[in-house]
C-alpha atoms as a PDB file:
ATOM      1  CA  MET A   1     101.484 116.179 107.619  1.00  0.00           C
ATOM      2  CA  GLU A   2     101.056 112.894 105.782  1.00  0.00           C
ATOM      3  CA  PHE A   3     102.448 111.917 102.382  1.00  0.00           C
ATOM      4  CA  GLY A   4     101.104 110.039  99.396  1.00  0.00           C
ATOM      5  CA  LEU A   5     100.946 109.675  95.626  1.00  0.00           C
ATOM      6  CA  PHE A   6      98.460 110.905  93.072  1.00  0.00           C
ATOM      7  CA  SER A   7      98.938 108.230  90.406  1.00  0.00           C
ATOM      8  CA  ASN A   8      97.706 110.038  87.307  1.00  0.00           C
ATOM      9  CA  ASN A   9      98.521 107.478  84.617  1.00  0.00           C
ATOM     10  CA  ARG A  10      99.625 109.339  81.480  1.00  0.00           C
ATOM     11  CA  ARG A  11     102.514 107.224  80.228  1.00  0.00           C
ATOM     12  CA  PHE A  12     101.719 108.136  76.665  1.00  0.00           C
ATOM     13  CA  GLU A  13     104.637 106.246  75.076  1.00  0.00           C
ATOM     14  CA  ARG A  14     103.719 102.860  76.622  1.00  0.00           C
ATOM     15  CA  THR A  15     101.089 100.167  76.292  1.00  0.00           C
ATOM     16  CA  LEU A  16      98.452 100.316  78.988  1.00  0.00           C
ATOM     17  CA  ALA A  17      99.551  97.014  80.515  1.00  0.00           C
ATOM     18  CA  ASP A  18     103.125  98.276  80.829  1.00  0.00           C
ATOM     19  CA  ALA A  19     101.952 101.649  82.172  1.00  0.00           C
ATOM     20  CA  TRP A  20      99.764 100.080  84.840  1.00  0.00           C
ATOM     21  CA  ASP A  21     102.572  97.749  85.922  1.00  0.00           C
ATOM     22  CA  ARG A  22     104.806 100.781  86.377  1.00  0.00           C
ATOM     23  CA  ASP A  23     102.079 102.522  88.392  1.00  0.00           C
ATOM     24  CA  ILE A  24     101.847  99.502  90.670  1.00  0.00           C
ATOM     25  CA  PHE A  25     105.651  99.440  91.032  1.00  0.00           C
ATOM     26  CA  GLU A  26     105.481 103.052  92.280  1.00  0.00           C
ATOM     27  CA  ILE A  27     102.640 102.178  94.663  1.00  0.00           C
ATOM     28  CA  ALA A  28     104.557  99.189  96.048  1.00  0.00           C
ATOM     29  CA  THR A  29     107.650 101.368  96.443  1.00  0.00           C
ATOM     30  CA  ALA A  30     105.634 103.978  98.341  1.00  0.00           C
ATOM     31  CA  ASP A  31     104.193 101.252 100.570  1.00  0.00           C
ATOM     32  CA  ARG A  32     107.665  99.933 101.380  1.00  0.00           C
ATOM     33  CA  LEU A  33     109.006 103.417 102.143  1.00  0.00           C
ATOM     34  CA  GLY A  34     106.193 104.336 104.513  1.00  0.00           C
ATOM     35  CA  PHE A  35     104.011 106.653 102.434  1.00  0.00           C
ATOM     36  CA  ASP A  36     100.497 106.918 103.838  1.00  0.00           C
ATOM     37  CA  GLU A  37      98.203 106.782 100.805  1.00  0.00           C
ATOM     38  CA  VAL A  38      97.826 106.726  97.024  1.00  0.00           C
ATOM     39  CA  TRP A  39      95.025 107.885  94.739  1.00  0.00           C
ATOM     40  CA  VAL A  40      94.708 106.230  91.320  1.00  0.00           C
ATOM     41  CA  SER A  41      93.127 108.146  88.428  1.00  0.00           C
ATOM     42  CA  GLU A  42      90.247 106.693  86.448  1.00  0.00           C
ATOM     43  CA  HIS A  43      91.105 107.260  82.813  1.00  0.00           C
ATOM     44  CA  GLN A  44      90.763 104.144  80.632  1.00  0.00           C
ATOM     45  CA  THR A  45      89.383 101.921  83.418  1.00  0.00           C
ATOM     46  CA  PRO A  46      88.038 102.235  86.962  1.00  0.00           C
ATOM     47  CA  ALA A  47      90.850 102.642  89.478  1.00  0.00           C
ATOM     48  CA  GLU A  48      89.411  99.829  91.562  1.00  0.00           C
ATOM     49  CA  LEU A  49      90.801  97.222  89.133  1.00  0.00           C
ATOM     50  CA  ILE A  50      94.330  98.591  89.553  1.00  0.00           C
ATOM     51  CA  ILE A  51      93.907  98.958  93.308  1.00  0.00           C
ATOM     52  CA  ALA A  52      92.800  95.334  93.618  1.00  0.00           C
ATOM     53  CA  LYS A  53      95.965  94.185  91.846  1.00  0.00           C
ATOM     54  CA  ALA A  54      98.159  96.550  93.864  1.00  0.00           C
ATOM     55  CA  ALA A  55      96.637  95.213  97.091  1.00  0.00           C
ATOM     56  CA  ALA A  56      98.473  91.923  96.550  1.00  0.00           C
ATOM     57  CA  GLN A  57     101.816  93.751  96.378  1.00  0.00           C
ATOM     58  CA  THR A  58     101.314  96.085  99.350  1.00  0.00           C
ATOM     59  CA  SER A  59     100.537  95.697 103.019  1.00  0.00           C
ATOM     60  CA  ARG A  60      99.779  99.021 104.667  1.00  0.00           C
ATOM     61  CA  ILE A  61      99.321 101.948 102.254  1.00  0.00           C
ATOM     62  CA  ARG A  62      95.766 103.265 101.846  1.00  0.00           C
ATOM     63  CA  MET A  63      94.529 103.290  98.230  1.00  0.00           C
ATOM     64  CA  GLY A  64      91.742 105.336  96.693  1.00  0.00           C
ATOM     65  CA  SER A  65      90.006 106.072  93.403  1.00  0.00           C
ATOM     66  CA  GLY A  66      91.103 109.416  92.064  1.00  0.00           C
ATOM     67  CA  VAL A  67      88.281 109.738  91.073  1.00  0.00           C
ATOM     68  CA  ARG A  68      85.082 107.901  90.215  1.00  0.00           C
ATOM     69  CA  PRO A  69      83.040 110.246  87.979  1.00  0.00           C
ATOM     70  CA  LEU A  70      79.672 109.713  89.640  1.00  0.00           C
ATOM     71  CA  GLY A  71      77.623 110.696  86.602  1.00  0.00           C
ATOM     72  CA  TYR A  72      78.855 107.564  84.802  1.00  0.00           C
ATOM     73  CA  TYR A  73      77.452 104.972  87.215  1.00  0.00           C
ATOM     74  CA  HIS A  74      74.401 104.001  89.224  1.00  0.00           C
ATOM     75  CA  PRO A  75      75.236 104.805  92.866  1.00  0.00           C
ATOM     76  CA  ILE A  76      74.537 101.271  94.085  1.00  0.00           C
ATOM     77  CA  GLN A  77      77.241  99.987  91.719  1.00  0.00           C
ATOM     78  CA  VAL A  78      79.729 102.507  93.122  1.00  0.00           C
ATOM     79  CA  ALA A  79      78.829 101.533  96.691  1.00  0.00           C
ATOM     80  CA  LEU A  80      79.017  97.794  96.050  1.00  0.00           C
ATOM     81  CA  GLU A  81      82.404  98.059  94.346  1.00  0.00           C
ATOM     82  CA  ALA A  82      83.732 100.362  97.075  1.00  0.00           C
ATOM     83  CA  ASN A  83      82.803  97.834  99.742  1.00  0.00           C
ATOM     84  CA  ALA A  84      84.225  94.963  97.705  1.00  0.00           C
ATOM     85  CA  VAL A  85      87.589  96.698  97.296  1.00  0.00           C
ATOM     86  CA  ASP A  86      87.545  97.626 100.976  1.00  0.00           C
ATOM     87  CA  GLN A  87      87.309  93.886 101.645  1.00  0.00           C
ATOM     88  CA  LEU A  88      90.059  93.047  99.133  1.00  0.00           C
ATOM     89  CA  THR A  89      92.417  95.599 100.698  1.00  0.00           C
ATOM     90  CA  ASN A  90      91.477  94.648 104.269  1.00  0.00           C
ATOM     91  CA  GLY A  91      90.167  98.110 105.070  1.00  0.00           C
ATOM     92  CA  ARG A  92      92.654 100.216 103.104  1.00  0.00           C
ATOM     93  CA  TYR A  93      90.299 101.559 100.437  1.00  0.00           C
ATOM     94  CA  MET A  94      89.224 105.198 100.029  1.00  0.00           C
ATOM     95  CA  LEU A  95      86.438 106.370  97.718  1.00  0.00           C
ATOM     96  CA  GLY A  96      87.354 109.394  95.628  1.00  0.00           C
ATOM     97  CA  ILE A  97      84.445 110.993  93.776  1.00  0.00           C
ATOM     98  CA  GLY A  98      84.148 113.776  91.234  1.00  0.00           C
ATOM     99  CA  HIS A  99      82.759 115.102  87.976  1.00  0.00           C
ATOM    100  CA  GLY A 100      85.245 113.914  85.375  1.00  0.00           C
ATOM    101  CA  PHE A 101      86.267 116.335  82.645  1.00  0.00           C
ATOM    102  CA  HIS A 102      85.376 114.657  79.326  1.00  0.00           C
ATOM    103  CA  ALA A 103      81.813 115.562  78.330  1.00  0.00           C
ATOM    104  CA  ARG A 104      81.880 112.896  75.634  1.00  0.00           C
ATOM    105  CA  GLN A 105      82.163 110.147  78.264  1.00  0.00           C
ATOM    106  CA  LEU A 106      78.845 111.282  79.730  1.00  0.00           C
ATOM    107  CA  GLU A 107      77.376 111.341  76.221  1.00  0.00           C
ATOM    108  CA  TRP A 108      78.594 107.752  75.668  1.00  0.00           C
ATOM    109  CA  ARG A 109      76.346 106.794  78.561  1.00  0.00           C
ATOM    110  CA  GLY A 110      73.350 108.796  77.395  1.00  0.00           C
ATOM    111  CA  ARG A 111      73.863 111.543  79.978  1.00  0.00           C
ATOM    112  CA  ASP A 112      73.594 115.287  79.405  1.00  0.00           C
ATOM    113  CA  PRO A 113      76.834 117.020  80.499  1.00  0.00           C
ATOM    114  CA  LYS A 114      74.891 120.063  81.699  1.00  0.00           C
ATOM    115  CA  ASP A 115      73.406 117.888  84.460  1.00  0.00           C
ATOM    116  CA  ASN A 116      76.797 116.667  85.669  1.00  0.00           C
ATOM    117  CA  ARG A 117      77.189 118.725  88.853  1.00  0.00           C
ATOM    118  CA  GLU A 118      73.628 118.010  89.942  1.00  0.00           C
ATOM    119  CA  MET A 119      74.155 114.303  89.200  1.00  0.00           C
ATOM    120  CA  VAL A 120      77.323 114.164  91.295  1.00  0.00           C
ATOM    121  CA  GLU A 121      75.692 115.742  94.322  1.00  0.00           C
ATOM    122  CA  ALA A 122      72.568 113.598  94.021  1.00  0.00           C
ATOM    123  CA  SER A 123      74.688 110.466  93.652  1.00  0.00           C
ATOM    124  CA  ALA A 124      76.811 111.342  96.691  1.00  0.00           C
ATOM    125  CA  GLU A 125      73.674 111.875  98.778  1.00  0.00           C
ATOM    126  CA  LEU A 126      72.319 108.476  97.699  1.00  0.00           C
ATOM    127  CA  LEU A 127      75.680 106.823  98.365  1.00  0.00           C
ATOM    128  CA  LEU A 128      75.557 108.029 101.950  1.00  0.00           C
ATOM    129  CA  LYS A 129      71.996 106.727 102.306  1.00  0.00           C
ATOM    130  CA  LEU A 130      73.097 103.329 100.992  1.00  0.00           C
ATOM    131  CA  PHE A 131      76.172 103.165 103.219  1.00  0.00           C
ATOM    132  CA  ASN A 132      74.164 104.070 106.313  1.00  0.00           C
ATOM    133  CA  ALA A 133      70.962 102.116 105.591  1.00  0.00           C
ATOM    134  CA  THR A 134      69.881  99.538 108.162  1.00  0.00           C
ATOM    135  CA  GLY A 135      67.610  97.731 105.705  1.00  0.00           C
ATOM    136  CA  PRO A 136      66.474  97.680 102.062  1.00  0.00           C
ATOM    137  CA  LEU A 137      66.229 101.158 100.548  1.00  0.00           C
ATOM    138  CA  ASP A 138      63.802 102.506  97.945  1.00  0.00           C
ATOM    139  CA  TYR A 139      64.842 105.551  95.933  1.00  0.00           C
ATOM    140  CA  ASP A 140      63.213 107.444  93.082  1.00  0.00           C
ATOM    141  CA  GLY A 141      65.300 110.462  92.134  1.00  0.00           C
ATOM    142  CA  PRO A 142      65.882 112.642  89.094  1.00  0.00           C
ATOM    143  CA  PHE A 143      68.715 110.497  87.701  1.00  0.00           C
ATOM    144  CA  TRP A 144      68.484 107.065  89.350  1.00  0.00           C
ATOM    145  CA  SER A 145      65.905 104.865  90.945  1.00  0.00           C
ATOM    146  CA  GLY A 146      65.933 101.530  92.713  1.00  0.00           C
ATOM    147  CA  LYS A 147      63.737  99.317  94.870  1.00  0.00           C
ATOM    148  CA  GLN A 148      64.748  97.348  97.940  1.00  0.00           C
ATOM    149  CA  MET A 149      68.411  98.209  97.380  1.00  0.00           C
ATOM    150  CA  ILE A 150      70.834  96.609  99.813  1.00  0.00           C
ATOM    151  CA  LEU A 151      74.613  96.366  99.907  1.00  0.00           C
ATOM    152  CA  GLN A 152      75.185  92.630 100.019  1.00  0.00           C
ATOM    153  CA  CYS A 153      78.928  93.181 100.380  1.00  0.00           C
ATOM    154  CA  PRO A 154      79.628  95.025 103.651  1.00  0.00           C
ATOM    155  CA  PRO A 155      82.690  97.262 104.123  1.00  0.00           C
ATOM    156  CA  VAL A 156      85.546  96.627 106.523  1.00  0.00           C
ATOM    157  CA  GLN A 157      85.605 100.290 107.576  1.00  0.00           C
ATOM    158  CA  LYS A 158      82.434 101.412 109.320  1.00  0.00           C
ATOM    159  CA  PRO A 159      80.069 102.837 108.317  1.00  0.00           C
ATOM    160  CA  HIS A 160      81.877 103.142 104.953  1.00  0.00           C
ATOM    161  CA  PRO A 161      85.320 103.809 103.465  1.00  0.00           C
ATOM    162  CA  PRO A 162      86.588 107.406 103.756  1.00  0.00           C
ATOM    163  CA  ILE A 163      85.290 109.677 100.994  1.00  0.00           C
ATOM    164  CA  ALA A 164      87.078 112.558  99.249  1.00  0.00           C
ATOM    165  CA  ILE A 165      85.875 114.772  96.405  1.00  0.00           C
ATOM    166  CA  ALA A 166      87.960 116.314  93.628  1.00  0.00           C
ATOM    167  CA  CYS A 167      88.059 120.121  93.596  1.00  0.00           C
ATOM    168  CA  SER A 168      89.406 121.904  90.549  1.00  0.00           C
ATOM    169  CA  GLY A 169      87.868 125.123  89.272  1.00  0.00           C
ATOM    170  CA  SER A 170      85.019 126.408  91.428  1.00  0.00           C
ATOM    171  CA  GLU A 171      84.608 126.336  95.183  1.00  0.00           C
ATOM    172  CA  SER A 172      81.235 124.528  95.107  1.00  0.00           C
ATOM    173  CA  SER A 173      82.801 121.059  95.488  1.00  0.00           C
ATOM    174  CA  ALA A 174      84.860 122.296  98.449  1.00  0.00           C
ATOM    175  CA  ARG A 175      81.660 123.544 100.066  1.00  0.00           C
ATOM    176  CA  PHE A 176      80.032 120.165  99.396  1.00  0.00           C
ATOM    177  CA  ALA A 177      83.050 118.475 101.003  1.00  0.00           C
ATOM    178  CA  GLY A 178      82.661 120.620 104.103  1.00  0.00           C
ATOM    179  CA  LYS A 179      78.931 119.925 104.336  1.00  0.00           C
ATOM    180  CA  HIS A 180      79.538 116.157 104.437  1.00  0.00           C
ATOM    181  CA  ASP A 181      82.982 116.247 106.094  1.00  0.00           C
ATOM    182  CA  PHE A 182      84.604 114.672 103.026  1.00  0.00           C
ATOM    183  CA  GLY A 183      88.260 114.998 102.166  1.00  0.00           C
ATOM    184  CA  ILE A 184      89.416 117.189  99.274  1.00  0.00           C
ATOM    185  CA  LEU A 185      91.585 116.064  96.337  1.00  0.00           C
ATOM    186  CA  THR A 186      93.356 118.643  94.167  1.00  0.00           C
ATOM    187  CA  GLY A 187      95.513 118.360  91.054  1.00  0.00           C
ATOM    188  CA  ASP A 188      99.121 119.392  90.635  1.00  0.00           C
ATOM    189  CA  PHE A 189      98.054 122.398  88.529  1.00  0.00           C
ATOM    190  CA  ILE A 190      95.852 124.086  91.169  1.00  0.00           C
ATOM    191  CA  PRO A 191      97.271 127.542  92.035  1.00  0.00           C
ATOM    192  CA  VAL A 192      98.023 128.545  95.605  1.00  0.00           C
ATOM    193  CA  PRO A 193      95.229 131.166  96.022  1.00  0.00           C
ATOM    194  CA  ARG A 194      92.588 128.616  95.022  1.00  0.00           C
ATOM    195  CA  LEU A 195      93.962 126.014  97.427  1.00  0.00           C
ATOM    196  CA  ARG A 196      93.620 128.575 100.199  1.00  0.00           C
ATOM    197  CA  VAL A 197      90.008 129.286  99.188  1.00  0.00           C
ATOM    198  CA  PHE A 198      89.172 125.559  99.077  1.00  0.00           C
ATOM    199  CA  GLY A 199      90.420 125.137 102.644  1.00  0.00           C
ATOM    200  CA  ASP A 200      88.632 128.241 103.874  1.00  0.00           C
ATOM    201  CA  VAL A 201      85.203 127.471 102.409  1.00  0.00           C
ATOM    202  CA  CYS A 202      85.431 123.814 103.442  1.00  0.00           C
ATOM    203  CA  MET A 203      86.011 124.857 107.045  1.00  0.00           C
ATOM    204  CA  GLU A 204      83.092 127.296 106.854  1.00  0.00           C
ATOM    205  CA  GLU A 205      80.760 124.504 105.772  1.00  0.00           C
ATOM    206  CA  GLN A 206      82.183 122.061 108.319  1.00  0.00           C
ATOM    207  CA  ALA A 207      81.337 124.495 111.119  1.00  0.00           C
ATOM    208  CA  LYS A 208      77.913 125.284 109.652  1.00  0.00           C
ATOM    209  CA  HIS A 209      76.955 121.590 109.545  1.00  0.00           C
ATOM    210  CA  GLY A 210      78.265 120.575 112.934  1.00  0.00           C
ATOM    211  CA  HIS A 211      81.632 119.083 111.976  1.00  0.00           C
ATOM    212  CA  ARG A 212      84.932 120.052 113.560  1.00  0.00           C
ATOM    213  CA  PRO A 213      86.544 122.663 111.275  1.00  0.00           C
ATOM    214  CA  THR A 214      89.885 121.354 110.005  1.00  0.00           C
ATOM    215  CA  ARG A 215      92.163 121.467 106.983  1.00  0.00           C
ATOM    216  CA  ARG A 216      93.666 118.062 107.735  1.00  0.00           C
ATOM    217  CA  LYS A 217      91.632 116.405 104.948  1.00  0.00           C
ATOM    218  CA  LEU A 218      92.798 118.934 102.342  1.00  0.00           C
ATOM    219  CA  ARG A 219      95.317 117.398  99.938  1.00  0.00           C
ATOM    220  CA  SER A 220      97.782 119.346  97.830  1.00  0.00           C
ATOM    221  CA  THR A 221      99.471 117.650  94.865  1.00  0.00           C
ATOM    222  CA  ARG A 222     102.790 118.713  93.353  1.00  0.00           C
ATOM    223  CA  VAL A 223     105.513 117.235  91.140  1.00  0.00           C
ATOM    224  CA  ILE A 224     108.269 116.362  93.635  1.00  0.00           C
ATOM    225  CA  TYR A 225     111.741 115.044  92.919  1.00  0.00           C
ATOM    226  CA  VAL A 226     114.722 114.971  95.307  1.00  0.00           C
ATOM    227  CA  ALA A 227     118.361 114.382  94.314  1.00  0.00           C
ATOM    228  CA  ASP A 228     121.836 115.079  95.698  1.00  0.00           C
ATOM    229  CA  SER A 229     121.800 118.626  94.352  1.00  0.00           C
ATOM    230  CA  ASP A 230     119.529 121.093  92.608  1.00  0.00           C
ATOM    231  CA  LYS A 231     121.479 120.636  89.381  1.00  0.00           C
ATOM    232  CA  GLN A 232     121.273 116.829  89.512  1.00  0.00           C
ATOM    233  CA  ALA A 233     117.529 116.966  90.154  1.00  0.00           C
ATOM    234  CA  ARG A 234     116.961 119.248  87.176  1.00  0.00           C
ATOM    235  CA  ASP A 235     119.180 117.131  84.955  1.00  0.00           C
ATOM    236  CA  ASP A 236     117.308 113.953  85.936  1.00  0.00           C
ATOM    237  CA  MET A 237     113.868 115.453  85.276  1.00  0.00           C
ATOM    238  CA  ARG A 238     114.406 117.880  82.401  1.00  0.00           C
ATOM    239  CA  GLU A 239     113.952 115.618  79.361  1.00  0.00           C
ATOM    240  CA  SER A 240     110.913 113.776  80.689  1.00  0.00           C
ATOM    241  CA  TYR A 241     109.156 116.889  81.948  1.00  0.00           C
ATOM    242  CA  GLU A 242     109.726 118.796  78.726  1.00  0.00           C
ATOM    243  CA  LYS A 243     107.889 115.928  76.989  1.00  0.00           C
ATOM    244  CA  THR A 244     105.162 116.202  79.628  1.00  0.00           C
ATOM    245  CA  ILE A 245     104.718 119.922  78.993  1.00  0.00           C
ATOM    246  CA  ALA A 246     104.410 119.350  75.242  1.00  0.00           C
ATOM    247  CA  TRP A 247     101.837 116.584  75.769  1.00  0.00           C
ATOM    248  CA  GLU A 248      99.805 118.627  78.267  1.00  0.00           C
ATOM    249  CA  ILE A 249      99.642 121.674  75.995  1.00  0.00           C
ATOM    250  CA  VAL A 250      98.131 119.538  73.217  1.00  0.00           C
ATOM    251  CA  ASN A 251      95.886 117.247  75.274  1.00  0.00           C
ATOM    252  CA  THR A 252      94.969 119.031  78.528  1.00  0.00           C
ATOM    253  CA  PRO A 253      95.693 122.740  78.002  1.00  0.00           C
ATOM    254  CA  HIS A 254      92.975 123.658  80.534  1.00  0.00           C
ATOM    255  CA  HIS A 255      95.280 122.268  83.232  1.00  0.00           C
ATOM    256  CA  GLN A 256      98.113 124.578  82.210  1.00  0.00           C
ATOM    257  CA  VAL A 257      96.562 127.989  81.529  1.00  0.00           C
ATOM    258  CA  GLU A 258      97.200 129.267  85.044  1.00  0.00           C
ATOM    259  CA  ARG A 259     100.888 128.407  84.721  1.00  0.00           C
ATOM    260  CA  ILE A 260     101.390 130.766  81.763  1.00  0.00           C
ATOM    261  CA  PRO A 261     103.949 133.520  82.504  1.00  0.00           C
ATOM    262  CA  ALA A 262     102.494 137.023  82.687  1.00  0.00           C
ATOM    263  CA  GLY A 263     101.821 138.306  79.182  1.00  0.00           C
ATOM    264  CA  GLY A 264     102.825 134.985  77.635  1.00  0.00           C
ATOM    265  CA  THR A 265     101.216 131.965  76.022  1.00  0.00           C
ATOM    266  CA  LEU A 266     101.155 128.225  76.615  1.00  0.00           C
ATOM    267  CA  GLN A 267     104.343 127.972  74.570  1.00  0.00           C
ATOM    268  CA  ASP A 268     106.169 130.066  77.197  1.00  0.00           C
ATOM    269  CA  ILE A 269     105.723 127.373  79.850  1.00  0.00           C
ATOM    270  CA  THR A 270     109.156 125.802  80.236  1.00  0.00           C
ATOM    271  CA  PHE A 271     110.640 123.303  82.658  1.00  0.00           C
ATOM    272  CA  ASP A 272     113.050 125.830  84.192  1.00  0.00           C
ATOM    273  CA  TYR A 273     110.292 128.425  84.545  1.00  0.00           C
ATOM    274  CA  LEU A 274     108.113 125.954  86.464  1.00  0.00           C
ATOM    275  CA  VAL A 275     110.984 124.966  88.766  1.00  0.00           C
ATOM    276  CA  ASP A 276     112.123 128.557  89.329  1.00  0.00           C
ATOM    277  CA  THR A 277     108.594 129.722  90.216  1.00  0.00           C
ATOM    278  CA  GLY A 278     107.911 126.855  92.613  1.00  0.00           C
ATOM    279  CA  ASN A 279     105.311 125.088  90.475  1.00  0.00           C
ATOM    280  CA  LEU A 280     107.517 121.994  90.641  1.00  0.00           C
ATOM    281  CA  PHE A 281     109.288 120.974  93.852  1.00  0.00           C
ATOM    282  CA  ILE A 282     112.539 119.756  92.288  1.00  0.00           C
ATOM    283  CA  GLY A 283     115.979 119.956  93.885  1.00  0.00           C
ATOM    284  CA  SER A 284     118.067 118.906  96.845  1.00  0.00           C
ATOM    285  CA  ALA A 285     116.443 117.839 100.104  1.00  0.00           C
ATOM    286  CA  GLN A 286     117.043 121.335 101.473  1.00  0.00           C
ATOM    287  CA  THR A 287     115.441 123.016  98.464  1.00  0.00           C
ATOM    288  CA  VAL A 288     112.410 120.712  98.415  1.00  0.00           C
ATOM    289  CA  SER A 289     111.881 121.123 102.175  1.00  0.00           C
ATOM    290  CA  LYS A 290     111.894 124.902 101.744  1.00  0.00           C
ATOM    291  CA  ARG A 291     109.443 124.726  98.837  1.00  0.00           C
ATOM    292  CA  ILE A 292     107.019 122.598 100.866  1.00  0.00           C
ATOM    293  CA  GLU A 293     107.222 124.861 103.911  1.00  0.00           C
ATOM    294  CA  GLU A 294     106.567 127.953 101.771  1.00  0.00           C
ATOM    295  CA  HIS A 295     103.674 126.213  99.997  1.00  0.00           C
ATOM    296  CA  PHE A 296     102.150 125.165 103.303  1.00  0.00           C
ATOM    297  CA  VAL A 297     102.147 128.725 104.640  1.00  0.00           C
ATOM    298  CA  LYS A 298     100.882 130.342 101.430  1.00  0.00           C
ATOM    299  CA  THR A 299      97.952 127.916 101.131  1.00  0.00           C
ATOM    300  CA  GLY A 300      96.909 128.341 104.760  1.00  0.00           C
ATOM    301  CA  GLY A 301      97.924 124.766 105.509  1.00  0.00           C
ATOM    302  CA  PHE A 302      96.876 121.295 104.391  1.00  0.00           C
ATOM    303  CA  GLY A 303      97.061 117.844 105.920  1.00  0.00           C
ATOM    304  CA  ILE A 304      98.380 115.627 103.122  1.00  0.00           C
ATOM    305  CA  LEU A 305     101.004 116.251 100.438  1.00  0.00           C
ATOM    306  CA  LEU A 306     100.730 114.086  97.323  1.00  0.00           C
ATOM    307  CA  PHE A 307     103.483 113.359  94.800  1.00  0.00           C
ATOM    308  CA  HIS A 308     102.226 113.655  91.233  1.00  0.00           C
ATOM    309  CA  ALA A 309     103.006 110.159  89.924  1.00  0.00           C
ATOM    310  CA  GLY A 310     101.986 107.718  87.212  1.00  0.00           C
ATOM    311  CA  ARG A 311     104.192 109.519  84.695  1.00  0.00           C
ATOM    312  CA  ASP A 312     107.583 108.615  83.241  1.00  0.00           C
ATOM    313  CA  TYR A 313     109.398 111.243  85.268  1.00  0.00           C
ATOM    314  CA  ALA A 314     113.100 110.263  85.295  1.00  0.00           C
ATOM    315  CA  THR A 315     113.598 106.452  85.386  1.00  0.00           C
ATOM    316  CA  PRO A 316     111.826 104.010  87.739  1.00  0.00           C
ATOM    317  CA  GLN A 317     115.090 103.525  89.642  1.00  0.00           C
ATOM    318  CA  LYS A 318     115.723 107.259  90.002  1.00  0.00           C
ATOM    319  CA  LEU A 319     112.128 107.886  91.037  1.00  0.00           C
ATOM    320  CA  ALA A 320     112.396 105.194  93.708  1.00  0.00           C
ATOM    321  CA  ALA A 321     115.656 106.753  94.921  1.00  0.00           C
ATOM    322  CA  SER A 322     114.000 110.185  95.013  1.00  0.00           C
ATOM    323  CA  MET A 323     111.096 108.847  97.071  1.00  0.00           C
ATOM    324  CA  ALA A 324     113.505 107.161  99.482  1.00  0.00           C
ATOM    325  CA  ARG A 325     115.558 110.344  99.846  1.00  0.00           C
ATOM    326  CA  PHE A 326     112.368 112.305 100.465  1.00  0.00           C
ATOM    327  CA  MET A 327     111.274 110.003 103.281  1.00  0.00           C
ATOM    328  CA  GLU A 328     114.761 109.994 104.822  1.00  0.00           C
ATOM    329  CA  GLU A 329     115.710 113.662 104.498  1.00  0.00           C
ATOM    330  CA  VAL A 330     112.624 115.768 103.768  1.00  0.00           C
ATOM    331  CA  ALA A 331     109.739 114.050 105.556  1.00  0.00           C
ATOM    332  CA  PRO A 332     111.239 114.432 109.071  1.00  0.00           C
ATOM    333  CA  LYS A 333     111.480 118.205 108.507  1.00  0.00           C
ATOM    334  CA  VAL A 334     107.971 118.789 107.179  1.00  0.00           C
ATOM    335  CA  ARG A 335     105.933 116.040 108.853  1.00  0.00           C
ATOM    336  CA  PRO A 336     105.438 118.198 111.989  1.00  0.00           C
ATOM    337  CA  LEU A 337     103.587 120.831 109.914  1.00  0.00           C
ATOM    338  CA  ASP A 338     100.058 120.888 111.329  1.00  0.00           C
ATOM    339  CA  PRO A 339      97.382 122.921 109.493  1.00  0.00           C
ATOM    340  CA  ASP A 340      95.179 123.343 112.549  1.00  0.00           C
ATOM    341  CA  LEU A 341      98.078 124.475 114.725  1.00  0.00           C
ATOM    342  CA  HIS A 342      99.208 126.806 111.945  1.00  0.00           C
ATOM    343  CA  LEU A 343      95.773 128.455 111.803  1.00  0.00           C
ATOM    344  CA  SER A 344      95.535 128.878 115.566  1.00  0.00           C
ATOM    345  CA  ARG A 345      98.957 130.530 115.669  1.00  0.00           C
ATOM    346  CA  ALA A 346      98.070 132.789 112.758  1.00  0.00           C
ATOM    347  CA  ALA A 347      94.845 133.822 114.501  1.00  0.00           C
ATOM    348  CA  ALA A 348      96.744 134.653 117.678  1.00  0.00           C
ATOM    349  CA  GLU A 349      99.214 136.951 115.924  1.00  0.00           C
END
């Protein structure tokens, strides 16, 4: 298992400049501690701008867009910028793609939201053509066209940076990922049964299209915080996460509906309920290790665990200490978890 961050900038009490600086501090901390990757959300601006700045403060961590909503942009622009950032990071860039979730942002660009899924798949197909073209490419499709297109900026990674697609509600994006052997990105709010389905259908499509079936490219994201004790961890996180819950209920309730207690409402989602039910991995190193191991088994296995970051959880110093404790005390216990080995053992039983 590998480890990373999903930097989902929602520091709603800060200026954007301050918030992005704090995101980059977390990325640099993860780089120093030996985390493998980070994905940066595109909210107010493309993630590539933040990644380019973070590249100067890091040396080894892989960095990806989490995600580029493909309906917003002409595919050649996405491909050119991906290659440029791959150059700026010396081959550490990853291209995350997806649908976005604000219909109005498609309308700003003169796009019809009902076409979004079809646009994303058509764009991804054209991206692959552009990345793999050996000469100028002509294209005349339902959403974009171009003549003699060529990527003047080549990538460092050949034939292109790794690609992952965001999967949230339906399984269609997971099937698309399997067809093209893309990675899968999931949010911290995705329930366990759906994560299992995403892995299963992705492997089905991988096998169908001649790729080696694996769950190693499946990423699971969770809020993770490690302290000396379970009580200390809860005390450190309680105030900030209660603010997060209140903000999410008002601004992104669709992310929280599947966390509602049986027979309850959004207002019944509390910090202690989320910790007690394993939605949040918060506690001592022993407790967090157990939560991860249980999550791994219930989901059928995944290859990369992402910390939900880019929020004002605890203080920057306490978050850095939590990440360090995780890498020192938790990572050695759970790093050996192998989704492919897990599946082969399960099949043999």
